[in-house]
Amino acid sequence: MSDDSTRGVAATDDEIARLQDRLQDVRQEVKKRIIGQDEVIEQLLVCMLCDGNALLESNPGLGKTSMIRALAEVIELEFSRIQNTPDLMPSDITGTEIIRESEGGREFVFERGPIFANVVLADEINRATPKTQAALLEAMQEKQVTAAGETYRLPEPFFVLATQNPIDQEGTYPLPEAQTDRFLLKIVLDYPSYEEEREIVQLYTEGTATPAVEQVVSRDELRTMQSLVREVPIASDIRDRAITLVRKTRDSPDIEYGASPRASMALVLAGKARAFLRGRSHVGWDDIEAMATPVLRHRILVDFRAEREGLTPEDAIASLVE
């Protein structure tokens, strides 16, 4: 399907169209529980199609956990939630060896932790200590964990979706740049509109407490979609413009630290996923523009002078895109 990839996927045009239609079914099922937040749902699906990890930032009570749990149910993915606290130990996440009685006597058995799931919600990740945050690093990058000298593969597909609260920073440990760079996207949730909030209140205060959703995509279908996304063609001029956009973050007077080549790869791949999600057969510049902010906002550091003048990373990115 693409001239710039060697990963061939045996899928007909009808099969590809069927899978793209399934993604629209996923959106509709999630909307049974989540009112509004269409752009956020799209970005989460882009992240899953790219086989990446996402950092979600919002004030409390905007439905992050419900949204991720609904996605996991609709796509036949095992869901696990980790509530990060300062006293959480790495072994609480990865697992630990325990002594178990057997017919032959006692033996050490590895008890798997909550990281062994397809979708891991790491709630308030910035409340965990750096040592515990680092335990997620290997899992996010290598799709495996090491415990007691043994390496254990994580289920496939595997995603870490971490949340952080931007308004309550007391007793938190800021994520190091090496870890934030491993999140494909940083997704920011905003408050719903009045009409959306009215509908949310009505939905969750009348009738069933949690509306049911149906599974419409299997794990195998998701993995097929992930392979197909990498095959979506992108014109060389659009790819070059995406790379140039990322490179401009390194010499902008408003940006102290720019994005790495990993951001260039993330931007192109996210553009491919958005095009596939929207039922198209190639990447357009609008896909790159749409994904530029979630791909770059956590990978750049605004200069102190510009920050003092009220410039945000989103402002700097928008200026570069223009």
Protein backbone atom coordinates (compact mmCIF):
# COMPACT_ATOMS: atom_id res chain seq x y z
CA MET A 1 0.00 0.00 0.00
CA SER A 2 2.95 2.35 0.55
CA ASP A 3 6.19 2.94 -1.27
CA ASP A 4 8.12 3.94 1.86
CA SER A 5 7.55 0.85 4.00
CA THR A 6 8.58 -2.76 3.74
CA ARG A 7 5.87 -4.06 6.05
CA GLY A 8 3.38 -5.54 3.61
CA VAL A 9 -0.09 -6.39 4.86
CA ALA A 10 -2.24 -8.78 2.85
CA ALA A 11 -5.55 -6.91 2.90
CA THR A 12 -7.93 -6.07 0.08
CA ASP A 13 -9.47 -2.64 -0.37
CA ASP A 14 -12.80 -4.06 0.82
CA GLU A 15 -11.17 -5.44 3.97
CA ILE A 16 -9.48 -2.11 4.67
CA ALA A 17 -12.79 -0.28 4.19
CA ARG A 18 -14.51 -2.75 6.53
CA LEU A 19 -11.94 -2.12 9.26
CA GLN A 20 -12.21 1.64 8.81
CA ASP A 21 -15.98 1.33 9.20
CA ARG A 22 -15.42 -0.64 12.41
CA LEU A 23 -13.53 2.32 13.82
CA GLN A 24 -16.60 4.49 13.30
CA ASP A 25 -18.58 1.84 15.20
CA VAL A 26 -16.05 2.16 18.03
CA ARG A 27 -16.70 5.91 18.19
CA GLN A 28 -20.45 5.37 18.34
CA GLU A 29 -20.21 2.79 21.11
CA VAL A 30 -17.95 4.99 23.25
CA LYS A 31 -20.40 7.88 22.77
CA LYS A 32 -22.99 5.82 24.66
CA ARG A 33 -20.98 6.60 27.81
CA ILE A 34 -19.03 9.73 26.90
CA ILE A 35 -20.81 12.92 25.85
CA GLY A 36 -18.72 15.26 23.70
CA GLN A 37 -14.90 14.97 23.78
CA ASP A 38 -14.93 13.86 20.11
CA GLU A 39 -11.42 15.17 19.48
CA VAL A 40 -10.08 13.44 22.60
CA ILE A 41 -11.63 10.11 21.57
CA GLU A 42 -10.11 10.52 18.11
CA GLN A 43 -6.66 11.19 19.56
CA LEU A 44 -6.91 8.16 21.84
CA LEU A 45 -7.81 5.98 18.84
CA VAL A 46 -4.90 7.48 16.88
CA CYS A 47 -2.62 6.54 19.77
CA MET A 48 -3.90 2.95 19.78
CA LEU A 49 -3.58 2.65 16.01
CA CYS A 50 0.05 3.82 16.33
CA ASP A 51 0.69 1.31 19.15
CA GLY A 52 1.78 4.23 21.32
CA ASN A 53 1.24 5.62 24.81
CA ALA A 54 -0.66 8.76 25.78
CA LEU A 55 -0.47 11.31 28.57
CA LEU A 56 -3.87 12.76 29.47
CA GLU A 57 -4.12 16.05 31.35
CA SER A 58 -7.30 17.54 32.75
CA ASN A 59 -8.99 18.74 35.88
CA PRO A 60 -10.65 16.02 37.98
CA GLY A 61 -14.08 14.68 37.07
CA LEU A 62 -13.99 14.96 33.28
CA GLY A 63 -14.42 11.24 32.60
CA LYS A 64 -10.89 10.12 31.72
CA THR A 65 -11.24 6.74 33.45
CA SER A 66 -14.72 6.11 32.02
CA MET A 67 -13.54 6.97 28.53
CA ILE A 68 -10.52 4.65 28.63
CA ARG A 69 -12.49 1.82 30.22
CA ALA A 70 -15.17 2.15 27.51
CA LEU A 71 -12.53 2.00 24.76
CA ALA A 72 -11.04 -1.12 26.31
CA GLU A 73 -14.44 -2.84 26.42
CA VAL A 74 -15.34 -1.89 22.85
CA ILE A 75 -11.99 -3.18 21.48
CA GLU A 76 -11.79 -6.41 23.55
CA LEU A 77 -8.83 -5.22 25.60
CA GLU A 78 -8.08 -6.17 29.21
CA PHE A 79 -8.19 -3.04 31.37
CA SER A 80 -6.14 -2.33 34.48
CA ARG A 81 -5.93 0.77 36.67
CA ILE A 82 -3.01 1.87 38.82
CA GLN A 83 -3.61 4.64 41.35
CA ASN A 84 -0.22 6.28 41.80
CA THR A 85 0.74 7.47 45.26
CA PRO A 86 4.09 8.44 46.82
CA ASP A 87 4.31 5.11 48.69
CA LEU A 88 3.69 2.98 45.57
CA MET A 89 6.66 0.68 44.92
CA PRO A 90 7.87 -0.55 41.50
CA SER A 91 7.00 -4.13 42.49
CA ASP A 92 3.41 -3.00 43.12
CA ILE A 93 3.23 -2.30 39.38
CA THR A 94 5.37 -5.01 37.79
CA GLY A 95 4.72 -7.82 40.25
CA THR A 96 6.85 -9.77 42.70
CA GLU A 97 7.91 -13.29 43.60
CA ILE A 98 5.94 -14.97 46.36
CA ILE A 99 6.33 -18.29 48.14
CA ARG A 100 3.56 -20.75 47.29
CA GLU A 101 2.88 -24.14 48.80
CA SER A 102 2.76 -27.06 46.37
CA GLU A 103 2.80 -30.85 46.56
CA GLY A 104 6.56 -30.82 46.17
CA GLY A 105 7.03 -28.22 48.90
CA ARG A 106 7.45 -24.49 48.73
CA GLU A 107 8.39 -22.71 45.53
CA PHE A 108 8.85 -19.14 44.33
CA VAL A 109 6.14 -18.02 41.91
CA PHE A 110 6.02 -14.70 40.07
CA GLU A 111 2.79 -12.91 40.92
CA ARG A 112 2.03 -10.58 38.02
CA GLY A 113 1.19 -6.97 38.80
CA PRO A 114 -1.42 -4.68 37.21
CA ILE A 115 0.98 -3.76 34.38
CA PHE A 116 0.04 -7.09 32.75
CA ALA A 117 -3.00 -5.85 30.84
CA ASN A 118 -3.68 -4.51 27.37
CA VAL A 119 -4.70 -1.04 28.54
CA VAL A 120 -3.07 0.27 31.71
CA LEU A 121 -4.47 3.48 33.17
CA ALA A 122 -1.73 5.03 35.32
CA ASP A 123 -3.82 7.53 37.25
CA GLU A 124 -2.03 10.67 38.52
CA ILE A 125 1.36 9.41 37.37
CA ASN A 126 3.10 12.52 38.71
CA ARG A 127 2.21 11.43 42.27
CA ALA A 128 4.49 8.39 42.01
CA THR A 129 8.15 8.66 42.96
CA PRO A 130 10.79 8.79 40.19
CA LYS A 131 11.76 5.19 41.01
CA THR A 132 8.22 3.99 40.41
CA GLN A 133 7.81 6.16 37.32
CA ALA A 134 10.96 4.52 35.94
CA ALA A 135 9.32 1.10 36.36
CA LEU A 136 6.85 2.15 33.67
CA LEU A 137 9.66 3.24 31.33
CA GLU A 138 10.77 -0.24 30.27
CA ALA A 139 7.17 -1.38 29.91
CA MET A 140 6.27 1.58 27.69
CA GLN A 141 9.31 1.33 25.46
CA GLU A 142 10.20 -2.36 25.41
CA LYS A 143 6.77 -3.93 26.04
CA GLN A 144 8.32 -6.04 28.78
CA VAL A 145 9.20 -5.92 32.48
CA THR A 146 12.12 -7.35 34.40
CA ALA A 147 11.58 -8.73 37.90
CA ALA A 148 13.82 -10.93 40.04
CA GLY A 149 16.27 -11.25 37.17
CA GLU A 150 13.64 -12.58 34.74
CA THR A 151 12.14 -10.78 31.76
CA TYR A 152 8.41 -11.11 31.10
CA ARG A 153 6.69 -10.06 27.88
CA LEU A 154 3.59 -7.92 28.26
CA PRO A 155 0.30 -8.73 26.52
CA GLU A 156 -0.18 -7.51 22.96
CA PRO A 157 -1.41 -4.96 22.18
CA PHE A 158 -0.19 -2.92 25.15
CA PHE A 159 -0.85 0.74 25.97
CA VAL A 160 -0.04 2.97 28.95
CA LEU A 161 -2.51 5.83 29.26
CA ALA A 162 -1.31 8.05 32.08
CA THR A 163 -3.20 10.95 33.63
CA GLN A 164 -2.04 13.98 35.55
CA ASN A 165 -3.85 16.83 37.24
CA PRO A 166 -2.46 20.27 36.23
CA ILE A 167 -3.92 22.25 39.14
CA ASP A 168 -2.82 20.31 42.23
CA GLN A 169 0.98 20.05 42.15
CA GLU A 170 1.67 19.73 45.88
CA GLY A 171 3.42 16.46 46.68
CA THR A 172 4.03 15.56 43.04
CA TYR A 173 7.12 14.48 41.10
CA PRO A 174 7.34 16.08 37.62
CA LEU A 175 7.89 13.55 34.87
CA PRO A 176 11.45 13.60 33.50
CA GLU A 177 11.90 14.56 29.84
CA ALA A 178 13.10 11.04 28.99
CA GLN A 179 9.74 9.67 30.09
CA THR A 180 7.45 12.33 28.64
CA ASP A 181 9.16 11.86 25.26
CA ARG A 182 8.01 8.24 25.28
CA PHE A 183 4.39 9.31 25.22
CA LEU A 184 3.29 9.49 21.61
CA LEU A 185 0.65 12.12 22.42
CA LYS A 186 -0.24 14.51 25.21
CA ILE A 187 -4.03 14.86 25.19
CA VAL A 188 -5.70 17.72 27.04
CA LEU A 189 -9.35 17.44 28.09
CA ASP A 190 -11.41 20.60 28.55
CA TYR A 191 -14.72 21.20 30.31
CA PRO A 192 -17.87 20.26 28.34
CA SER A 193 -20.23 22.84 26.91
CA TYR A 194 -23.45 23.66 28.77
CA GLU A 195 -25.52 21.42 26.48
CA GLU A 196 -23.02 18.55 26.83
CA GLU A 197 -22.93 18.90 30.63
CA ARG A 198 -26.73 18.94 30.71
CA GLU A 199 -26.79 15.71 28.70
CA ILE A 200 -24.14 14.12 30.98
CA VAL A 201 -26.15 14.94 34.09
CA GLN A 202 -29.30 13.52 32.53
CA LEU A 203 -27.54 10.35 31.35
CA TYR A 204 -25.95 9.51 34.70
CA THR A 205 -28.73 10.57 37.06
CA GLU A 206 -31.57 8.76 35.33
CA GLY A 207 -31.85 5.06 34.51
CA THR A 208 -28.75 2.87 34.35
CA ALA A 209 -25.73 4.20 36.22
CA THR A 210 -23.29 3.03 33.52
CA PRO A 211 -24.66 2.55 29.99
CA ALA A 212 -23.63 -0.75 28.39
CA VAL A 213 -21.34 -0.84 25.36
CA GLU A 214 -20.76 -3.64 22.86
CA GLN A 215 -17.46 -5.03 21.64
CA VAL A 216 -17.13 -4.20 17.94
CA VAL A 217 -13.39 -4.74 17.30
CA SER A 218 -11.24 -7.70 18.34
CA ARG A 219 -7.62 -7.59 19.45
CA ASP A 220 -6.51 -9.28 16.23
CA GLU A 221 -8.40 -6.71 14.17
CA LEU A 222 -6.73 -3.89 16.09
CA ARG A 223 -3.29 -5.39 15.42
CA THR A 224 -4.16 -5.67 11.73
CA MET A 225 -5.20 -2.01 11.75
CA GLN A 226 -1.88 -1.06 13.39
CA SER A 227 0.00 -2.76 10.54
CA LEU A 228 -2.21 -1.14 7.90
CA VAL A 229 -1.66 2.33 9.38
CA ARG A 230 2.07 2.06 8.72
CA GLU A 231 1.27 1.30 5.06
CA VAL A 232 -0.82 4.44 4.50
CA PRO A 233 0.99 6.45 1.78
CA ILE A 234 2.31 9.92 2.54
CA ALA A 235 3.61 12.21 -0.21
CA SER A 236 7.28 13.07 0.15
CA ASP A 237 6.57 16.82 0.24
CA ILE A 238 4.09 16.43 3.12
CA ARG A 239 6.51 14.19 5.01
CA ASP A 240 9.31 16.73 4.47
CA ARG A 241 7.09 19.58 5.69
CA ALA A 242 6.31 17.56 8.85
CA ILE A 243 10.03 17.03 9.48
CA THR A 244 10.72 20.73 8.85
CA LEU A 245 8.00 21.67 11.34
CA VAL A 246 9.66 19.57 14.05
CA ARG A 247 13.12 20.93 13.21
CA LYS A 248 11.84 24.50 13.53
CA THR A 249 11.12 23.85 17.22
CA ARG A 250 14.90 23.60 17.73
CA ASP A 251 15.75 27.10 16.48
CA SER A 252 12.63 29.07 17.38
CA PRO A 253 13.48 32.08 19.60
CA ASP A 254 10.45 31.27 21.77
CA ILE A 255 11.45 27.65 22.46
CA GLU A 256 14.32 26.78 24.78
CA TYR A 257 14.38 23.04 24.04
CA GLY A 258 13.00 21.65 20.80
CA ALA A 259 11.66 18.23 19.85
CA SER A 260 13.81 15.23 18.93
CA PRO A 261 13.69 13.08 15.75
CA ARG A 262 11.36 10.79 17.70
CA ALA A 263 8.81 13.61 17.39
CA SER A 264 9.22 13.63 13.59
CA MET A 265 8.46 9.90 13.47
CA ALA A 266 5.52 10.33 15.86
CA LEU A 267 4.05 13.18 13.80
CA VAL A 268 4.17 11.28 10.52
CA LEU A 269 2.80 8.09 12.08
CA ALA A 270 0.01 9.96 13.89
CA GLY A 271 -0.90 11.65 10.61
CA LYS A 272 -1.18 8.23 8.97
CA ALA A 273 -3.39 6.95 11.78
CA ARG A 274 -5.71 9.97 11.57
CA ALA A 275 -6.07 9.52 7.81
CA PHE A 276 -6.85 5.80 8.28
CA LEU A 277 -9.31 6.59 11.09
CA ARG A 278 -11.13 9.06 8.85
CA GLY A 279 -11.46 6.51 6.06
CA ARG A 280 -8.90 8.00 3.67
CA SER A 281 -6.22 6.19 1.67
CA HIS A 282 -3.45 8.78 2.02
CA VAL A 283 -2.16 11.44 4.43
CA GLY A 284 -3.11 15.08 3.89
CA TRP A 285 -1.46 18.15 5.38
CA ASP A 286 -4.58 18.66 7.52
CA ASP A 287 -3.74 15.35 9.27
CA ILE A 288 -0.27 16.65 10.13
CA GLU A 289 -1.67 20.01 11.29
CA ALA A 290 -4.27 18.31 13.49
CA MET A 291 -1.71 16.05 15.19
CA ALA A 292 1.08 18.64 15.57
CA THR A 293 -0.11 19.98 18.94
CA PRO A 294 -0.74 16.63 20.74
CA VAL A 295 2.54 15.25 19.35
CA LEU A 296 4.72 18.27 20.21
CA ARG A 297 3.21 20.06 23.24
CA HIS A 298 5.01 17.81 25.79
CA ARG A 299 8.26 17.65 23.82
CA ILE A 300 9.16 21.35 23.81
CA LEU A 301 10.02 23.80 26.58
CA VAL A 302 9.03 27.42 26.07
CA ASP A 303 11.73 30.03 26.74
CA PHE A 304 11.46 31.82 30.09
CA ARG A 305 11.00 35.20 28.44
CA ALA A 306 8.21 33.95 26.19
CA GLU A 307 6.57 32.12 29.10
CA ARG A 308 6.63 35.30 31.16
CA GLU A 309 4.78 37.01 28.32
CA GLY A 310 2.08 34.34 28.50
CA LEU A 311 3.17 32.19 25.55
CA THR A 312 2.20 28.51 25.93
CA PRO A 313 3.65 25.49 24.07
CA GLU A 314 0.37 25.35 22.12
CA ASP A 315 0.85 28.99 21.04
CA ALA A 316 4.41 28.30 19.90
CA ILE A 317 3.34 25.24 17.91
CA ALA A 318 0.44 27.11 16.26
CA SER A 319 2.83 29.88 15.23
CA LEU A 320 5.22 27.37 13.64
CA VAL A 321 2.39 25.59 11.81
CA GLU A 322 1.24 28.88 10.32
